[in-house]
Protein backbone atom coordinates (compact mmCIF):
# COMPACT_ATOMS: atom_id res chain seq x y z
CA MET A 1 53.19 -71.08 -19.49
CA PRO A 2 54.18 -70.84 -23.02
CA PHE A 3 52.89 -73.98 -24.56
CA GLU A 4 49.69 -73.85 -22.94
CA GLY A 5 46.90 -74.46 -25.60
CA SER A 6 49.58 -74.39 -28.32
CA LEU A 7 49.20 -77.85 -30.92
CA GLU A 8 45.61 -77.75 -30.08
CA ASP A 9 43.28 -79.79 -33.11
CA THR A 10 46.41 -81.91 -34.15
CA PRO A 11 47.93 -85.49 -33.65
CA ILE A 12 50.07 -84.70 -30.54
CA GLU A 13 47.67 -82.94 -28.65
CA PRO A 14 47.99 -82.43 -25.65
CA TYR A 15 51.12 -80.68 -26.03
CA TYR A 16 51.55 -78.77 -23.03
CA SER A 17 51.48 -80.66 -19.48
CA ALA A 18 52.32 -78.80 -15.78
CA GLU A 19 55.17 -81.78 -15.04
CA LYS A 20 56.55 -80.93 -18.96
CA ASP A 21 56.96 -77.25 -17.58
CA LYS A 22 58.67 -77.81 -15.14
CA ILE A 23 61.27 -79.86 -16.49
CA ARG A 24 61.02 -76.53 -18.99
CA GLN A 25 62.19 -74.90 -16.32
CA ALA A 26 64.97 -76.71 -14.78
CA VAL A 27 66.17 -77.09 -18.45
CA ASN A 28 65.84 -73.49 -18.91
CA GLU A 29 67.70 -72.55 -15.00
CA TRP A 30 70.21 -75.13 -16.41
CA ILE A 31 71.62 -73.66 -19.96
CA GLY A 32 72.04 -69.95 -17.57
CA VAL A 33 73.05 -70.62 -14.55
CA SER A 34 75.54 -73.64 -15.24
CA GLY A 35 78.84 -72.54 -17.15
CA GLU A 36 78.42 -75.33 -19.78
CA PHE A 37 78.01 -72.17 -22.93
CA ASP A 38 80.20 -69.57 -23.71
CA ALA A 39 76.78 -67.44 -24.30
CA ILE A 40 73.41 -67.46 -24.03
CA ALA A 41 69.84 -65.35 -25.18
CA ASP A 42 67.44 -64.69 -23.73
CA PHE A 43 64.07 -64.43 -25.42
CA ASP A 44 61.90 -63.88 -22.75
CA ALA A 45 64.02 -61.35 -21.35
CA VAL A 46 64.39 -59.14 -24.93
CA ASP A 47 60.85 -60.20 -25.05
CA LEU A 48 60.21 -58.15 -21.31
CA GLN A 49 62.53 -56.25 -22.50
CA ALA A 50 60.81 -54.61 -25.59
CA LEU A 51 57.70 -54.35 -23.89
CA LEU A 52 58.70 -51.95 -21.07
CA VAL A 53 60.93 -49.90 -23.94
CA SER A 54 57.83 -49.88 -26.08
CA PRO A 55 55.45 -46.33 -26.04
């Protein structure tokens, strides 16, 4: 849950909710598989790859 706990003690708290995260995941899935875009950058995969390759 990438946004859980973010923006605490700010005027827009609470930013994270489980419902918003479900929507975020659905949008990300659509972006990845819809074919509407020529290319996408999957920063989650890049970050994970960096963790796996790091010594």
